[in-house]
Amino acid sequence: MGILKNECKSLKLQAHMCDKEIAHLQAKGVQEHQEAEKIHHRMMEQKKLEIDLLKEEGEILRLKVELAKLQASQNASSSCPPPTSATEQFANM
């Protein structure tokens, strides 16, 4: 009878330890999941910032191209002689 009582206590202790281990592993799994979610969130924020930066760089390039076009048209118009008025043409005759 004493052996059965000891074995029963031993089995109860093993069951208790197994329950504690299961609870610990579940808590660890939840913690790892939360950490993975945080990492994912940070990565998504980083990607969003990179996309915003690329958009801004694209806008800067678009404005630089527009500026170059305006400067080219301004240089082309300044290299041509300015149009003279009809009175100036008759005065030179």
PDB file of N, CA and C in Angstrom:
ATOM      1  N   MET A   1       0.815  -1.184   0.000  1.00  0.00           N
ATOM      2  CA  MET A   1       0.000   0.000   0.000  1.00  0.00           C
ATOM      3  C   MET A   1       0.868   1.260   0.000  1.00  0.00           C
ATOM      4  N   GLY A   2       1.936   1.256   0.765  1.00  0.00           N
ATOM      5  CA  GLY A   2       2.861   2.388   0.814  1.00  0.00           C
ATOM      6  C   GLY A   2       3.515   2.635  -0.532  1.00  0.00           C
ATOM      7  N   ILE A   3       3.816   1.559  -1.260  1.00  0.00           N
ATOM      8  CA  ILE A   3       4.440   1.687  -2.582  1.00  0.00           C
ATOM      9  C   ILE A   3       3.465   2.374  -3.543  1.00  0.00           C
ATOM     10  N   LEU A   4       2.192   2.000  -3.436  1.00  0.00           N
ATOM     11  CA  LEU A   4       1.184   2.608  -4.318  1.00  0.00           C
ATOM     12  C   LEU A   4       1.012   4.094  -4.009  1.00  0.00           C
ATOM     13  N   LYS A   5       1.045   4.428  -2.711  1.00  0.00           N
ATOM     14  CA  LYS A   5       0.923   5.835  -2.329  1.00  0.00           C
ATOM     15  C   LYS A   5       2.114   6.628  -2.868  1.00  0.00           C
ATOM     16  N   ASN A   6       3.329   6.070  -2.734  1.00  0.00           N
ATOM     17  CA  ASN A   6       4.530   6.742  -3.254  1.00  0.00           C
ATOM     18  C   ASN A   6       4.459   6.884  -4.779  1.00  0.00           C
ATOM     19  N   GLU A   7       4.005   5.842  -5.428  1.00  0.00           N
ATOM     20  CA  GLU A   7       3.891   5.891  -6.893  1.00  0.00           C
ATOM     21  C   GLU A   7       2.833   6.909  -7.312  1.00  0.00           C
ATOM     22  N   CYS A   8       1.742   6.973  -6.550  1.00  0.00           N
ATOM     23  CA  CYS A   8       0.686   7.953  -6.849  1.00  0.00           C
ATOM     24  C   CYS A   8       1.223   9.370  -6.683  1.00  0.00           C
ATOM     25  N   LYS A   9       1.962   9.616  -5.602  1.00  0.00           N
ATOM     26  CA  LYS A   9       2.571  10.934  -5.385  1.00  0.00           C
ATOM     27  C   LYS A   9       3.552  11.259  -6.514  1.00  0.00           C
ATOM     28  N   SER A  10       4.338  10.268  -6.889  1.00  0.00           N
ATOM     29  CA  SER A  10       5.318  10.460  -7.957  1.00  0.00           C
ATOM     30  C   SER A  10       4.619  10.817  -9.272  1.00  0.00           C
ATOM     31  N   LEU A  11       3.537  10.114  -9.596  1.00  0.00           N
ATOM     32  CA  LEU A  11       2.800  10.385 -10.832  1.00  0.00           C
ATOM     33  C   LEU A  11       2.132  11.762 -10.789  1.00  0.00           C
ATOM     34  N   LYS A  12       1.608  12.128  -9.622  1.00  0.00           N
ATOM     35  CA  LYS A  12       1.013  13.467  -9.481  1.00  0.00           C
ATOM     36  C   LYS A  12       2.072  14.555  -9.671  1.00  0.00           C
ATOM     37  N   LEU A  13       3.257  14.312  -9.091  1.00  0.00           N
ATOM     38  CA  LEU A  13       4.364  15.269  -9.249  1.00  0.00           C
ATOM     39  C   LEU A  13       4.781  15.363 -10.716  1.00  0.00           C
ATOM     40  N   GLN A  14       4.878  14.223 -11.394  1.00  0.00           N
ATOM     41  CA  GLN A  14       5.223  14.226 -12.825  1.00  0.00           C
ATOM     42  C   GLN A  14       4.166  14.977 -13.634  1.00  0.00           C
ATOM     43  N   ALA A  15       2.888  14.738 -13.328  1.00  0.00           N
ATOM     44  CA  ALA A  15       1.807  15.422 -14.040  1.00  0.00           C
ATOM     45  C   ALA A  15       1.879  16.930 -13.801  1.00  0.00           C
ATOM     46  N   HIS A  16       2.156  17.300 -12.546  1.00  0.00           N
ATOM     47  CA  HIS A  16       2.282  18.721 -12.213  1.00  0.00           C
ATOM     48  C   HIS A  16       3.455  19.354 -12.974  1.00  0.00           C
ATOM     49  N   MET A  17       4.561  18.666 -13.012  1.00  0.00           N
ATOM     50  CA  MET A  17       5.747  19.174 -13.726  1.00  0.00           C
ATOM     51  C   MET A  17       5.470  19.263 -15.228  1.00  0.00           C
ATOM     52  N   CYS A  18       4.764  18.288 -15.756  1.00  0.00           N
ATOM     53  CA  CYS A  18       4.402  18.339 -17.181  1.00  0.00           C
ATOM     54  C   CYS A  18       3.497  19.530 -17.459  1.00  0.00           C
ATOM     55  N   ASP A  19       2.537  19.766 -16.575  1.00  0.00           N
ATOM     56  CA  ASP A  19       1.649  20.923 -16.736  1.00  0.00           C
ATOM     57  C   ASP A  19       2.434  22.232 -16.700  1.00  0.00           C
ATOM     58  N   LYS A  20       3.382  22.323 -15.778  1.00  0.00           N
ATOM     59  CA  LYS A  20       4.210  23.526 -15.689  1.00  0.00           C
ATOM     60  C   LYS A  20       5.046  23.708 -16.959  1.00  0.00           C
ATOM     61  N   GLU A  21       5.600  22.610 -17.459  1.00  0.00           N
ATOM     62  CA  GLU A  21       6.405  22.688 -18.680  1.00  0.00           C
ATOM     63  C   GLU A  21       5.540  23.117 -19.863  1.00  0.00           C
ATOM     64  N   ILE A  22       4.327  22.572 -19.959  1.00  0.00           N
ATOM     65  CA  ILE A  22       3.413  22.956 -21.048  1.00  0.00           C
ATOM     66  C   ILE A  22       3.079  24.439 -20.947  1.00  0.00           C
ATOM     67  N   ALA A  23       2.768  24.903 -19.743  1.00  0.00           N
ATOM     68  CA  ALA A  23       2.448  26.320 -19.548  1.00  0.00           C
ATOM     69  C   ALA A  23       3.639  27.196 -19.925  1.00  0.00           C
ATOM     70  N   HIS A  24       4.842  26.753 -19.529  1.00  0.00           N
ATOM     71  CA  HIS A  24       6.052  27.517 -19.862  1.00  0.00           C
ATOM     72  C   HIS A  24       6.251  27.579 -21.379  1.00  0.00           C
ATOM     73  N   LEU A  25       6.086  26.443 -22.051  1.00  0.00           N
ATOM     74  CA  LEU A  25       6.276  26.412 -23.501  1.00  0.00           C
ATOM     75  C   LEU A  25       5.218  27.249 -24.221  1.00  0.00           C
ATOM     76  N   GLN A  26       3.985  27.232 -23.706  1.00  0.00           N
ATOM     77  CA  GLN A  26       2.946  28.068 -24.302  1.00  0.00           C
ATOM     78  C   GLN A  26       3.268  29.546 -24.137  1.00  0.00           C
ATOM     79  N   ALA A  27       3.708  29.928 -22.947  1.00  0.00           N
ATOM     80  CA  ALA A  27       4.079  31.323 -22.697  1.00  0.00           C
ATOM     81  C   ALA A  27       5.253  31.732 -23.586  1.00  0.00           C
ATOM     82  N   LYS A  28       6.199  30.826 -23.738  1.00  0.00           N
ATOM     83  CA  LYS A  28       7.362  31.105 -24.589  1.00  0.00           C
ATOM     84  C   LYS A  28       6.918  31.275 -26.046  1.00  0.00           C
ATOM     85  N   GLY A  29       5.971  30.435 -26.484  1.00  0.00           N
ATOM     86  CA  GLY A  29       5.455  30.552 -27.853  1.00  0.00           C
ATOM     87  C   GLY A  29       4.739  31.870 -28.071  1.00  0.00           C
ATOM     88  N   VAL A  30       3.964  32.294 -27.074  1.00  0.00           N
ATOM     89  CA  VAL A  30       3.269  33.584 -27.165  1.00  0.00           C
ATOM     90  C   VAL A  30       4.284  34.716 -27.229  1.00  0.00           C
ATOM     91  N   GLN A  31       5.301  34.658 -26.396  1.00  0.00           N
ATOM     92  CA  GLN A  31       6.331  35.694 -26.382  1.00  0.00           C
ATOM     93  C   GLN A  31       7.067  35.756 -27.723  1.00  0.00           C
ATOM     94  N   GLU A  32       7.421  34.604 -28.281  1.00  0.00           N
ATOM     95  CA  GLU A  32       8.107  34.569 -29.573  1.00  0.00           C
ATOM     96  C   GLU A  32       7.207  35.129 -30.670  1.00  0.00           C
ATOM     97  N   HIS A  33       5.921  34.823 -30.589  1.00  0.00           N
ATOM     98  CA  HIS A  33       4.977  35.354 -31.581  1.00  0.00           C
ATOM     99  C   HIS A  33       4.900  36.882 -31.479  1.00  0.00           C
ATOM    100  N   GLN A  34       4.849  37.399 -30.268  1.00  0.00           N
ATOM    101  CA  GLN A  34       4.799  38.848 -30.074  1.00  0.00           C
ATOM    102  C   GLN A  34       6.071  39.513 -30.592  1.00  0.00           C
ATOM    103  N   GLU A  35       7.211  38.911 -30.351  1.00  0.00           N
ATOM    104  CA  GLU A  35       8.472  39.454 -30.848  1.00  0.00           C
ATOM    105  C   GLU A  35       8.497  39.446 -32.372  1.00  0.00           C
ATOM    106  N   ALA A  36       7.999  38.364 -32.966  1.00  0.00           N
ATOM    107  CA  ALA A  36       7.955  38.279 -34.428  1.00  0.00           C
ATOM    108  C   ALA A  36       7.027  39.354 -34.995  1.00  0.00           C
ATOM    109  N   GLU A  37       5.906  39.606 -34.320  1.00  0.00           N
ATOM    110  CA  GLU A  37       4.982  40.655 -34.753  1.00  0.00           C
ATOM    111  C   GLU A  37       5.656  42.027 -34.686  1.00  0.00           C
ATOM    112  N   LYS A  38       6.405  42.286 -33.616  1.00  0.00           N
ATOM    113  CA  LYS A  38       7.111  43.565 -33.484  1.00  0.00           C
ATOM    114  C   LYS A  38       8.141  43.731 -34.600  1.00  0.00           C
ATOM    115  N   ILE A  39       8.885  42.681 -34.869  1.00  0.00           N
ATOM    116  CA  ILE A  39       9.891  42.734 -35.935  1.00  0.00           C
ATOM    117  C   ILE A  39       9.221  42.997 -37.271  1.00  0.00           C
ATOM    118  N   HIS A  40       8.125  42.301 -37.529  1.00  0.00           N
ATOM    119  CA  HIS A  40       7.390  42.493 -38.783  1.00  0.00           C
ATOM    120  C   HIS A  40       6.888  43.925 -38.888  1.00  0.00           C
ATOM    121  N   HIS A  41       6.349  44.460 -37.807  1.00  0.00           N
ATOM    122  CA  HIS A  41       5.831  45.835 -37.802  1.00  0.00           C
ATOM    123  C   HIS A  41       6.958  46.829 -38.099  1.00  0.00           C
ATOM    124  N   ARG A  42       8.125  46.622 -37.461  1.00  0.00           N
ATOM    125  CA  ARG A  42       9.268  47.512 -37.724  1.00  0.00           C
ATOM    126  C   ARG A  42       9.723  47.431 -39.172  1.00  0.00           C
ATOM    127  N   MET A  43       9.732  46.214 -39.720  1.00  0.00           N
ATOM    128  CA  MET A  43      10.136  46.046 -41.117  1.00  0.00           C
ATOM    129  C   MET A  43       9.153  46.747 -42.051  1.00  0.00           C
ATOM    130  N   MET A  44       7.868  46.649 -41.752  1.00  0.00           N
ATOM    131  CA  MET A  44       6.867  47.312 -42.591  1.00  0.00           C
ATOM    132  C   MET A  44       7.003  48.831 -42.505  1.00  0.00           C
ATOM    133  N   GLU A  45       7.281  49.350 -41.322  1.00  0.00           N
ATOM    134  CA  GLU A  45       7.515  50.788 -41.176  1.00  0.00           C
ATOM    135  C   GLU A  45       8.736  51.218 -41.983  1.00  0.00           C
ATOM    136  N   GLN A  46       9.802  50.412 -41.924  1.00  0.00           N
ATOM    137  CA  GLN A  46      11.022  50.715 -42.674  1.00  0.00           C
ATOM    138  C   GLN A  46      10.740  50.730 -44.174  1.00  0.00           C
ATOM    139  N   LYS A  47       9.988  49.742 -44.660  1.00  0.00           N
ATOM    140  CA  LYS A  47       9.651  49.682 -46.087  1.00  0.00           C
ATOM    141  C   LYS A  47       8.815  50.896 -46.486  1.00  0.00           C
ATOM    142  N   LYS A  48       7.888  51.303 -45.622  1.00  0.00           N
ATOM    143  CA  LYS A  48       7.053  52.471 -45.911  1.00  0.00           C
ATOM    144  C   LYS A  48       7.933  53.725 -46.024  1.00  0.00           C
ATOM    145  N   LEU A  49       8.885  53.859 -45.109  1.00  0.00           N
ATOM    146  CA  LEU A  49       9.796  55.004 -45.158  1.00  0.00           C
ATOM    147  C   LEU A  49      10.636  54.981 -46.437  1.00  0.00           C
ATOM    148  N   GLU A  50      11.088  53.791 -46.823  1.00  0.00           N
ATOM    149  CA  GLU A  50      11.877  53.668 -48.053  1.00  0.00           C
ATOM    150  C   GLU A  50      11.037  54.054 -49.268  1.00  0.00           C
ATOM    151  N   ILE A  51       9.779  53.635 -49.288  1.00  0.00           N
ATOM    152  CA  ILE A  51       8.884  53.981 -50.405  1.00  0.00           C
ATOM    153  C   ILE A  51       8.663  55.486 -50.454  1.00  0.00           C
ATOM    154  N   ASP A  52       8.423  56.102 -49.286  1.00  0.00           N
ATOM    155  CA  ASP A  52       8.234  57.548 -49.240  1.00  0.00           C
ATOM    156  C   ASP A  52       9.487  58.270 -49.730  1.00  0.00           C
ATOM    157  N   LEU A  53      10.651  57.785 -49.335  1.00  0.00           N
ATOM    158  CA  LEU A  53      11.904  58.394 -49.765  1.00  0.00           C
ATOM    159  C   LEU A  53      12.062  58.286 -51.283  1.00  0.00           C
ATOM    160  N   LEU A  54      11.749  57.118 -51.835  1.00  0.00           N
ATOM    161  CA  LEU A  54      11.852  56.939 -53.283  1.00  0.00           C
ATOM    162  C   LEU A  54      10.877  57.856 -54.024  1.00  0.00           C
ATOM    163  N   LYS A  55       9.683  58.036 -53.479  1.00  0.00           N
ATOM    164  CA  LYS A  55       8.723  58.955 -54.090  1.00  0.00           C
ATOM    165  C   LYS A  55       9.263  60.380 -54.102  1.00  0.00           C
ATOM    166  N   GLU A  56       9.848  60.785 -52.980  1.00  0.00           N
ATOM    167  CA  GLU A  56      10.411  62.130 -52.893  1.00  0.00           C
ATOM    168  C   GLU A  56      11.585  62.284 -53.852  1.00  0.00           C
ATOM    169  N   GLU A  57      12.433  61.274 -53.946  1.00  0.00           N
ATOM    170  CA  GLU A  57      13.549  61.334 -54.885  1.00  0.00           C
ATOM    171  C   GLU A  57      13.041  61.407 -56.321  1.00  0.00           C
ATOM    172  N   GLY A  58      11.970  60.688 -56.620  1.00  0.00           N
ATOM    173  CA  GLY A  58      11.368  60.753 -57.951  1.00  0.00           C
ATOM    174  C   GLY A  58      10.837  62.139 -58.252  1.00  0.00           C
ATOM    175  N   GLU A  59      10.224  62.759 -57.257  1.00  0.00           N
ATOM    176  CA  GLU A  59       9.712  64.128 -57.445  1.00  0.00           C
ATOM    177  C   GLU A  59      10.868  65.104 -57.659  1.00  0.00           C
ATOM    178  N   ILE A  60      11.958  64.912 -56.930  1.00  0.00           N
ATOM    179  CA  ILE A  60      13.136  65.773 -57.112  1.00  0.00           C
ATOM    180  C   ILE A  60      13.682  65.624 -58.529  1.00  0.00           C
ATOM    181  N   LEU A  61      13.777  64.388 -59.006  1.00  0.00           N
ATOM    182  CA  LEU A  61      14.272  64.164 -60.372  1.00  0.00           C
ATOM    183  C   LEU A  61      13.338  64.797 -61.400  1.00  0.00           C
ATOM    184  N   ARG A  62      12.028  64.669 -61.176  1.00  0.00           N
ATOM    185  CA  ARG A  62      11.069  65.271 -62.102  1.00  0.00           C
ATOM    186  C   ARG A  62      11.253  66.786 -62.142  1.00  0.00           C
ATOM    187  N   LEU A  63      11.454  67.399 -60.982  1.00  0.00           N
ATOM    188  CA  LEU A  63      11.649  68.852 -60.929  1.00  0.00           C
ATOM    189  C   LEU A  63      12.979  69.256 -61.572  1.00  0.00           C
ATOM    190  N   LYS A  64      14.007  68.436 -61.406  1.00  0.00           N
ATOM    191  CA  LYS A  64      15.293  68.738 -62.045  1.00  0.00           C
ATOM    192  C   LYS A  64      15.170  68.686 -63.561  1.00  0.00           C
ATOM    193  N   VAL A  65      14.429  67.708 -64.066  1.00  0.00           N
ATOM    194  CA  VAL A  65      14.218  67.600 -65.519  1.00  0.00           C
ATOM    195  C   VAL A  65      13.443  68.817 -66.008  1.00  0.00           C
ATOM    196  N   GLU A  66      12.424  69.207 -65.281  1.00  0.00           N
ATOM    197  CA  GLU A  66      11.628  70.383 -65.656  1.00  0.00           C
ATOM    198  C   GLU A  66      12.499  71.634 -65.651  1.00  0.00           C
ATOM    199  N   LEU A  67      13.354  71.765 -64.648  1.00  0.00           N
ATOM    200  CA  LEU A  67      14.266  72.906 -64.585  1.00  0.00           C
ATOM    201  C   LEU A  67      15.231  72.898 -65.765  1.00  0.00           C
ATOM    202  N   ALA A  68      15.761  71.726 -66.090  1.00  0.00           N
ATOM    203  CA  ALA A  68      16.685  71.634 -67.224  1.00  0.00           C
ATOM    204  C   ALA A  68      15.991  72.021 -68.524  1.00  0.00           C
ATOM    205  N   LYS A  69      14.739  71.611 -68.693  1.00  0.00           N
ATOM    206  CA  LYS A  69      13.993  71.986 -69.892  1.00  0.00           C
ATOM    207  C   LYS A  69      13.792  73.486 -69.955  1.00  0.00           C
ATOM    208  N   LEU A  70      13.431  74.081 -68.834  1.00  0.00           N
ATOM    209  CA  LEU A  70      13.227  75.534 -68.812  1.00  0.00           C
ATOM    210  C   LEU A  70      14.530  76.276 -69.098  1.00  0.00           C
ATOM    211  N   GLN A  71      15.621  75.797 -68.509  1.00  0.00           N
ATOM    212  CA  GLN A  71      16.914  76.445 -68.757  1.00  0.00           C
ATOM    213  C   GLN A  71      17.323  76.282 -70.215  1.00  0.00           C
ATOM    214  N   ALA A  72      17.066  75.121 -70.803  1.00  0.00           N
ATOM    215  CA  ALA A  72      17.410  74.893 -72.205  1.00  0.00           C
ATOM    216  C   ALA A  72      16.592  75.803 -73.111  1.00  0.00           C
ATOM    217  N   SER A  73      15.315  75.942 -72.817  1.00  0.00           N
ATOM    218  CA  SER A  73      14.487  76.822 -73.658  1.00  0.00           C
ATOM    219  C   SER A  73      14.887  78.273 -73.460  1.00  0.00           C
ATOM    220  N   GLN A  74      15.286  78.637 -72.246  1.00  0.00           N
ATOM    221  CA  GLN A  74      15.733  80.005 -71.992  1.00  0.00           C
ATOM    222  C   GLN A  74      17.051  80.272 -72.720  1.00  0.00           C
ATOM    223  N   ASN A  75      17.967  79.307 -72.713  1.00  0.00           N
ATOM    224  CA  ASN A  75      19.243  79.460 -73.418  1.00  0.00           C
ATOM    225  C   ASN A  75      19.023  79.538 -74.925  1.00  0.00           C
ATOM    226  N   ALA A  76      18.096  78.753 -75.437  1.00  0.00           N
ATOM    227  CA  ALA A  76      17.809  78.769 -76.871  1.00  0.00           C
ATOM    228  C   ALA A  76      17.220  80.108 -77.276  1.00  0.00           C
ATOM    229  N   SER A  77      16.341  80.665 -76.466  1.00  0.00           N
ATOM    230  CA  SER A  77      15.732  81.950 -76.820  1.00  0.00           C
ATOM    231  C   SER A  77      16.720  83.095 -76.653  1.00  0.00           C
ATOM    232  N   SER A  78      17.677  82.982 -75.743  1.00  0.00           N
ATOM    233  CA  SER A  78      18.655  84.060 -75.563  1.00  0.00           C
ATOM    234  C   SER A  78      19.740  84.008 -76.625  1.00  0.00           C
ATOM    235  N   SER A  79      19.958  82.860 -77.257  1.00  0.00           N
ATOM    236  CA  SER A  79      20.986  82.771 -78.293  1.00  0.00           C
ATOM    237  C   SER A  79      20.474  83.318 -79.619  1.00  0.00           C
ATOM    238  N   CYS A  80      19.176  83.361 -79.826  1.00  0.00           N
ATOM    239  CA  CYS A  80      18.604  83.967 -81.030  1.00  0.00           C
ATOM    240  C   CYS A  80      18.573  85.469 -80.829  1.00  0.00           C
ATOM    241  N   PRO A  81      18.790  86.229 -81.895  1.00  0.00           N
ATOM    242  CA  PRO A  81      18.742  87.687 -81.732  1.00  0.00           C
ATOM    243  C   PRO A  81      17.318  88.102 -81.381  1.00  0.00           C
ATOM    244  N   PRO A  82      17.188  89.091 -80.535  1.00  0.00           N
ATOM    245  CA  PRO A  82      15.859  89.525 -80.151  1.00  0.00           C
ATOM    246  C   PRO A  82      15.139  90.127 -81.350  1.00  0.00           C
ATOM    247  N   PRO A  83      13.854  89.912 -81.419  1.00  0.00           N
ATOM    248  CA  PRO A  83      13.119  90.479 -82.563  1.00  0.00           C
ATOM    249  C   PRO A  83      13.146  92.001 -82.494  1.00  0.00           C
ATOM    250  N   THR A  84      13.329  92.615 -83.666  1.00  0.00           N
ATOM    251  CA  THR A  84      13.370  94.084 -83.719  1.00  0.00           C
ATOM    252  C   THR A  84      12.010  94.592 -84.156  1.00  0.00           C
ATOM    253  N   SER A  85      11.724  95.772 -83.733  1.00  0.00           N
ATOM    254  CA  SER A  85      10.436  96.353 -84.100  1.00  0.00           C
ATOM    255  C   SER A  85      10.531  96.928 -85.515  1.00  0.00           C
ATOM    256  N   ALA A  86       9.421  97.206 -86.122  1.00  0.00           N
ATOM    257  CA  ALA A  86       9.372  97.727 -87.497  1.00  0.00           C
ATOM    258  C   ALA A  86      10.017  99.095 -87.581  1.00  0.00           C
ATOM    259  N   THR A  87       9.880  99.918 -86.563  1.00  0.00           N
ATOM    260  CA  THR A  87      10.488 101.253 -86.596  1.00  0.00           C
ATOM    261  C   THR A  87      11.991 101.177 -86.565  1.00  0.00           C
ATOM    262  N   GLU A  88      12.534 100.227 -85.839  1.00  0.00           N
ATOM    263  CA  GLU A  88      13.984 100.058 -85.791  1.00  0.00           C
ATOM    264  C   GLU A  88      14.497  99.587 -87.143  1.00  0.00           C
ATOM    265  N   GLN A  89      13.740  98.741 -87.822  1.00  0.00           N
ATOM    266  CA  GLN A  89      14.152  98.257 -89.133  1.00  0.00           C
ATOM    267  C   GLN A  89      14.190  99.414 -90.141  1.00  0.00           C
ATOM    268  N   PHE A  90      13.195 100.290 -90.111  1.00  0.00           N
ATOM    269  CA  PHE A  90      13.173 101.426 -91.040  1.00  0.00           C
ATOM    270  C   PHE A  90      14.228 102.464 -90.684  1.00  0.00           C
ATOM    271  N   ALA A  91      14.591 102.595 -89.435  1.00  0.00           N
ATOM    272  CA  ALA A  91      15.583 103.571 -89.011  1.00  0.00           C
ATOM    273  C   ALA A  91      16.967 103.151 -89.499  1.00  0.00           C
ATOM    274  N   ASN A  92      17.214 101.870 -89.576  1.00  0.00           N
ATOM    275  CA  ASN A  92      18.516 101.376 -90.021  1.00  0.00           C
ATOM    276  C   ASN A  92      18.674 101.470 -91.516  1.00  0.00           C
ATOM    277  N   MET A  93      17.670 101.793 -92.297  1.00  0.00           N
ATOM    278  CA  MET A  93      17.771 101.834 -93.753  1.00  0.00           C
ATOM    279  C   MET A  93      18.334 103.081 -94.234  1.00  0.00           C
TER     280      MET A  93
END
